[in-house]
Amino acid sequence: MLQAFYDIEYLFTVNEDVFDPPPKVKSGVIRMVRNDVTDLGCDHKKFKTIIKTAFNQRRKMLRSSLKPFLKPEHKEMDLFTKRPEQLDVPEFIEITNLLFD
């Protein structure tokens, strides 16, 4: 969702020993800079719904997690055989437009 409106850059890793109590994982610091996107080319609320629904079950293929929105002709499309983390913003926009047109 953030990638649609921000340019995101990974800056550096923060070790667990700088926190009290120390977590069991390392942390990362990122920089987010607002990009020039004002219109995605799809309905913003529907785009958000698709992203949230897809990532609620991120390890499943999109045809499973987006099942309530799919029409029979969508189920065999290559786009829906991927997992949400494999897609970029334009592909999510394409899905939103496919499912809500």
N, C-alpha and C. Protein backbone atom coordinates (compact mmCIF):
# COMPACT_ATOMS: atom_id res chain seq x y z
N MET A 1 0.83 -1.19 0.00
CA MET A 1 0.00 0.00 0.00
C MET A 1 0.88 1.26 0.00
N LEU A 2 1.91 1.23 0.82
CA LEU A 2 2.80 2.39 0.88
C LEU A 2 3.54 2.63 -0.42
N GLN A 3 3.89 1.56 -1.12
CA GLN A 3 4.64 1.70 -2.36
C GLN A 3 3.86 2.46 -3.43
N ALA A 4 2.55 2.51 -3.31
CA ALA A 4 1.74 3.23 -4.29
C ALA A 4 1.94 4.74 -4.17
N PHE A 5 2.24 5.22 -2.98
CA PHE A 5 2.30 6.66 -2.74
C PHE A 5 3.65 7.17 -2.23
N TYR A 6 4.58 6.26 -1.94
CA TYR A 6 5.87 6.66 -1.39
C TYR A 6 7.01 5.93 -2.09
N ASP A 7 8.15 6.61 -2.20
CA ASP A 7 9.40 5.97 -2.60
C ASP A 7 10.06 5.53 -1.31
N ILE A 8 10.35 4.24 -1.18
CA ILE A 8 10.84 3.68 0.08
C ILE A 8 12.27 3.19 -0.12
N GLU A 9 13.13 3.59 0.81
CA GLU A 9 14.55 3.23 0.72
C GLU A 9 15.00 2.64 2.05
N TYR A 10 15.61 1.47 2.00
CA TYR A 10 16.19 0.86 3.20
C TYR A 10 17.49 1.57 3.52
N LEU A 11 17.65 2.04 4.77
CA LEU A 11 18.85 2.79 5.14
C LEU A 11 19.88 1.95 5.88
N PHE A 12 19.50 1.34 7.01
CA PHE A 12 20.46 0.54 7.77
C PHE A 12 19.74 -0.34 8.77
N THR A 13 20.50 -1.29 9.34
CA THR A 13 20.00 -2.23 10.34
C THR A 13 20.35 -1.73 11.73
N VAL A 14 19.43 -1.92 12.66
CA VAL A 14 19.65 -1.57 14.07
C VAL A 14 19.71 -2.87 14.86
N ASN A 15 20.82 -3.09 15.58
CA ASN A 15 20.98 -4.31 16.37
C ASN A 15 20.04 -4.32 17.57
N GLU A 16 19.77 -5.53 18.04
CA GLU A 16 18.82 -5.70 19.13
C GLU A 16 19.34 -5.15 20.46
N ASP A 17 20.66 -5.02 20.63
CA ASP A 17 21.21 -4.58 21.91
C ASP A 17 21.02 -3.09 22.21
N VAL A 18 20.51 -2.30 21.26
CA VAL A 18 20.26 -0.88 21.53
C VAL A 18 18.88 -0.64 22.16
N PHE A 19 18.08 -1.70 22.27
CA PHE A 19 16.75 -1.61 22.88
C PHE A 19 16.76 -2.21 24.27
N ASP A 20 15.87 -1.73 25.11
CA ASP A 20 15.73 -2.28 26.45
C ASP A 20 14.26 -2.55 26.72
N PRO A 21 13.82 -3.75 26.86
CA PRO A 21 14.55 -5.01 26.74
C PRO A 21 14.85 -5.31 25.27
N PRO A 22 15.92 -6.03 25.01
CA PRO A 22 16.28 -6.33 23.62
C PRO A 22 15.31 -7.32 22.98
N PRO A 23 14.84 -7.01 21.78
CA PRO A 23 13.97 -7.97 21.07
C PRO A 23 14.80 -9.13 20.53
N LYS A 24 14.14 -10.12 19.99
CA LYS A 24 14.84 -11.28 19.43
C LYS A 24 15.09 -11.14 17.93
N VAL A 25 14.89 -9.94 17.42
CA VAL A 25 15.09 -9.67 16.00
C VAL A 25 15.84 -8.37 15.81
N LYS A 26 16.46 -8.21 14.66
CA LYS A 26 17.08 -6.94 14.30
C LYS A 26 16.00 -6.04 13.71
N SER A 27 16.23 -4.74 13.75
CA SER A 27 15.29 -3.78 13.18
C SER A 27 15.93 -3.09 11.99
N GLY A 28 15.12 -2.51 11.15
CA GLY A 28 15.62 -1.77 10.01
C GLY A 28 15.05 -0.36 10.01
N VAL A 29 15.82 0.56 9.49
CA VAL A 29 15.37 1.95 9.36
C VAL A 29 15.16 2.22 7.87
N ILE A 30 14.01 2.78 7.55
CA ILE A 30 13.69 3.09 6.16
C ILE A 30 13.39 4.58 6.02
N ARG A 31 13.54 5.07 4.81
CA ARG A 31 13.15 6.45 4.49
C ARG A 31 11.98 6.37 3.52
N MET A 32 10.93 7.12 3.83
CA MET A 32 9.77 7.19 2.94
C MET A 32 9.62 8.63 2.47
N VAL A 33 9.62 8.81 1.16
CA VAL A 33 9.44 10.13 0.56
C VAL A 33 8.20 10.07 -0.32
N ARG A 34 7.27 10.99 -0.09
CA ARG A 34 6.03 11.03 -0.87
C ARG A 34 6.36 11.22 -2.34
N ASN A 35 5.79 10.36 -3.19
CA ASN A 35 6.02 10.51 -4.63
C ASN A 35 4.95 11.40 -5.24
N ASP A 36 4.95 11.53 -6.55
CA ASP A 36 4.03 12.45 -7.24
C ASP A 36 2.69 11.83 -7.60
N VAL A 37 2.45 10.60 -7.21
CA VAL A 37 1.21 9.91 -7.59
C VAL A 37 0.02 10.54 -6.86
N THR A 38 -0.96 10.98 -7.64
CA THR A 38 -2.20 11.50 -7.05
C THR A 38 -3.40 10.66 -7.48
N ASP A 39 -3.27 9.96 -8.61
CA ASP A 39 -4.35 9.12 -9.10
C ASP A 39 -3.78 7.77 -9.51
N LEU A 40 -4.30 6.71 -8.93
CA LEU A 40 -3.79 5.37 -9.21
C LEU A 40 -4.32 4.79 -10.52
N GLY A 41 -5.41 5.30 -11.00
CA GLY A 41 -6.03 4.71 -12.18
C GLY A 41 -7.09 3.68 -11.82
N CYS A 42 -7.45 3.65 -10.53
CA CYS A 42 -8.51 2.77 -10.05
C CYS A 42 -9.11 3.41 -8.80
N ASP A 43 -10.20 2.87 -8.33
CA ASP A 43 -10.85 3.36 -7.12
C ASP A 43 -9.95 3.07 -5.91
N HIS A 44 -9.60 4.12 -5.18
CA HIS A 44 -8.66 3.99 -4.06
C HIS A 44 -9.19 3.05 -2.97
N LYS A 45 -10.46 3.12 -2.63
CA LYS A 45 -11.03 2.26 -1.58
C LYS A 45 -11.03 0.79 -2.01
N LYS A 46 -11.34 0.55 -3.26
CA LYS A 46 -11.34 -0.83 -3.77
C LYS A 46 -9.91 -1.37 -3.83
N PHE A 47 -8.97 -0.51 -4.22
CA PHE A 47 -7.55 -0.89 -4.25
C PHE A 47 -7.11 -1.31 -2.84
N LYS A 48 -7.47 -0.53 -1.85
CA LYS A 48 -7.12 -0.83 -0.46
C LYS A 48 -7.76 -2.15 -0.02
N THR A 49 -8.99 -2.39 -0.40
CA THR A 49 -9.68 -3.63 -0.07
C THR A 49 -8.95 -4.84 -0.66
N ILE A 50 -8.54 -4.73 -1.91
CA ILE A 50 -7.83 -5.83 -2.58
C ILE A 50 -6.50 -6.10 -1.89
N ILE A 51 -5.75 -5.05 -1.59
CA ILE A 51 -4.45 -5.21 -0.93
C ILE A 51 -4.62 -5.87 0.44
N LYS A 52 -5.55 -5.36 1.24
CA LYS A 52 -5.75 -5.92 2.59
C LYS A 52 -6.22 -7.36 2.52
N THR A 53 -7.13 -7.67 1.62
CA THR A 53 -7.64 -9.04 1.49
C THR A 53 -6.53 -9.98 1.03
N ALA A 54 -5.72 -9.54 0.08
CA ALA A 54 -4.64 -10.38 -0.43
C ALA A 54 -3.60 -10.67 0.65
N PHE A 55 -3.24 -9.66 1.44
CA PHE A 55 -2.20 -9.85 2.44
C PHE A 55 -2.71 -10.44 3.76
N ASN A 56 -4.02 -10.58 3.91
CA ASN A 56 -4.54 -11.28 5.10
C ASN A 56 -4.12 -12.74 5.07
N GLN A 57 -3.93 -13.28 3.88
CA GLN A 57 -3.46 -14.66 3.71
C GLN A 57 -2.30 -14.64 2.73
N ARG A 58 -1.22 -13.97 3.11
CA ARG A 58 -0.13 -13.68 2.19
C ARG A 58 0.59 -14.89 1.64
N ARG A 59 0.53 -16.03 2.29
CA ARG A 59 1.22 -17.22 1.79
C ARG A 59 0.36 -18.02 0.82
N LYS A 60 -0.87 -17.58 0.61
CA LYS A 60 -1.74 -18.28 -0.34
C LYS A 60 -1.71 -17.57 -1.68
N MET A 61 -2.05 -18.30 -2.72
CA MET A 61 -2.16 -17.69 -4.04
C MET A 61 -3.35 -16.75 -4.05
N LEU A 62 -3.28 -15.75 -4.90
CA LEU A 62 -4.34 -14.75 -4.97
C LEU A 62 -5.70 -15.35 -5.31
N ARG A 63 -5.71 -16.42 -6.10
CA ARG A 63 -7.01 -17.02 -6.45
C ARG A 63 -7.72 -17.57 -5.21
N SER A 64 -6.96 -17.90 -4.15
CA SER A 64 -7.57 -18.36 -2.90
C SER A 64 -7.97 -17.19 -2.01
N SER A 65 -7.04 -16.24 -1.83
CA SER A 65 -7.34 -15.14 -0.92
C SER A 65 -8.37 -14.16 -1.49
N LEU A 66 -8.43 -14.03 -2.80
CA LEU A 66 -9.40 -13.11 -3.42
C LEU A 66 -10.63 -13.83 -3.96
N LYS A 67 -10.84 -15.05 -3.55
CA LYS A 67 -11.94 -15.89 -4.04
C LYS A 67 -13.30 -15.19 -4.03
N PRO A 68 -13.65 -14.43 -2.97
CA PRO A 68 -14.97 -13.78 -2.97
C PRO A 68 -15.17 -12.77 -4.10
N PHE A 69 -14.08 -12.26 -4.66
CA PHE A 69 -14.18 -11.23 -5.70
C PHE A 69 -14.06 -11.80 -7.11
N LEU A 70 -13.57 -13.03 -7.25
CA LEU A 70 -13.27 -13.59 -8.56
C LEU A 70 -14.50 -14.08 -9.30
N LYS A 71 -14.48 -13.83 -10.60
CA LYS A 71 -15.47 -14.40 -11.51
C LYS A 71 -14.84 -15.66 -12.10
N PRO A 72 -15.63 -16.58 -12.62
CA PRO A 72 -15.07 -17.84 -13.16
C PRO A 72 -13.95 -17.63 -14.19
N GLU A 73 -14.06 -16.61 -15.02
CA GLU A 73 -13.04 -16.40 -16.06
C GLU A 73 -11.70 -15.90 -15.49
N HIS A 74 -11.69 -15.42 -14.25
CA HIS A 74 -10.46 -14.93 -13.63
C HIS A 74 -9.61 -16.04 -13.01
N LYS A 75 -10.24 -17.13 -12.62
CA LYS A 75 -9.56 -18.15 -11.81
C LYS A 75 -8.34 -18.76 -12.47
N GLU A 76 -8.29 -18.85 -13.77
CA GLU A 76 -7.16 -19.48 -14.45
C GLU A 76 -6.16 -18.48 -15.01
N MET A 77 -6.36 -17.19 -14.77
CA MET A 77 -5.41 -16.19 -15.25
C MET A 77 -4.10 -16.30 -14.47
N ASP A 78 -2.98 -16.13 -15.15
CA ASP A 78 -1.66 -16.24 -14.52
C ASP A 78 -1.48 -15.28 -13.34
N LEU A 79 -2.07 -14.12 -13.45
CA LEU A 79 -1.94 -13.11 -12.40
C LEU A 79 -2.43 -13.63 -11.05
N PHE A 80 -3.44 -14.47 -11.04
CA PHE A 80 -4.03 -14.97 -9.80
C PHE A 80 -3.35 -16.24 -9.27
N THR A 81 -2.30 -16.70 -9.98
CA THR A 81 -1.55 -17.86 -9.49
C THR A 81 -0.32 -17.43 -8.69
N LYS A 82 -0.19 -16.13 -8.45
CA LYS A 82 0.94 -15.61 -7.68
C LYS A 82 0.51 -15.32 -6.25
N ARG A 83 1.51 -15.12 -5.40
CA ARG A 83 1.27 -14.70 -4.02
C ARG A 83 1.38 -13.18 -3.97
N PRO A 84 0.71 -12.54 -2.99
CA PRO A 84 0.68 -11.07 -2.98
C PRO A 84 2.06 -10.41 -2.96
N GLU A 85 3.03 -11.00 -2.27
CA GLU A 85 4.35 -10.37 -2.20
C GLU A 85 5.11 -10.43 -3.52
N GLN A 86 4.62 -11.18 -4.49
CA GLN A 86 5.25 -11.30 -5.80
C GLN A 86 4.77 -10.21 -6.76
N LEU A 87 3.77 -9.44 -6.39
CA LEU A 87 3.19 -8.44 -7.27
C LEU A 87 3.72 -7.05 -6.95
N ASP A 88 3.68 -6.18 -7.95
CA ASP A 88 4.02 -4.79 -7.72
C ASP A 88 2.74 -3.95 -7.81
N VAL A 89 2.87 -2.66 -7.59
CA VAL A 89 1.71 -1.77 -7.54
C VAL A 89 0.89 -1.81 -8.83
N PRO A 90 1.51 -1.71 -10.02
CA PRO A 90 0.70 -1.76 -11.26
C PRO A 90 -0.12 -3.05 -11.39
N GLU A 91 0.41 -4.17 -10.91
CA GLU A 91 -0.34 -5.42 -10.99
C GLU A 91 -1.54 -5.40 -10.04
N PHE A 92 -1.39 -4.81 -8.86
CA PHE A 92 -2.53 -4.68 -7.96
C PHE A 92 -3.58 -3.73 -8.53
N ILE A 93 -3.14 -2.70 -9.23
CA ILE A 93 -4.09 -1.78 -9.90
C ILE A 93 -4.84 -2.55 -10.98
N GLU A 94 -4.11 -3.37 -11.75
CA GLU A 94 -4.73 -4.18 -12.80
C GLU A 94 -5.77 -5.12 -12.20
N ILE A 95 -5.45 -5.77 -11.09
CA ILE A 95 -6.39 -6.67 -10.43
C ILE A 95 -7.63 -5.92 -9.98
N THR A 96 -7.42 -4.76 -9.36
CA THR A 96 -8.56 -3.95 -8.89
C THR A 96 -9.48 -3.61 -10.04
N ASN A 97 -8.91 -3.16 -11.16
CA ASN A 97 -9.73 -2.81 -12.31
C ASN A 97 -10.42 -4.03 -12.92
N LEU A 98 -9.75 -5.19 -12.93
CA LEU A 98 -10.35 -6.42 -13.45
C LEU A 98 -11.56 -6.85 -12.61
N LEU A 99 -11.41 -6.79 -11.31
CA LEU A 99 -12.44 -7.32 -10.43
C LEU A 99 -13.61 -6.39 -10.20
N PHE A 100 -13.40 -5.09 -10.41
CA PHE A 100 -14.47 -4.14 -10.11
C PHE A 100 -14.99 -3.40 -11.31
N ASP A 101 -14.70 -3.86 -12.54
CA ASP A 101 -15.26 -3.22 -13.73
C ASP A 101 -16.58 -3.80 -14.10
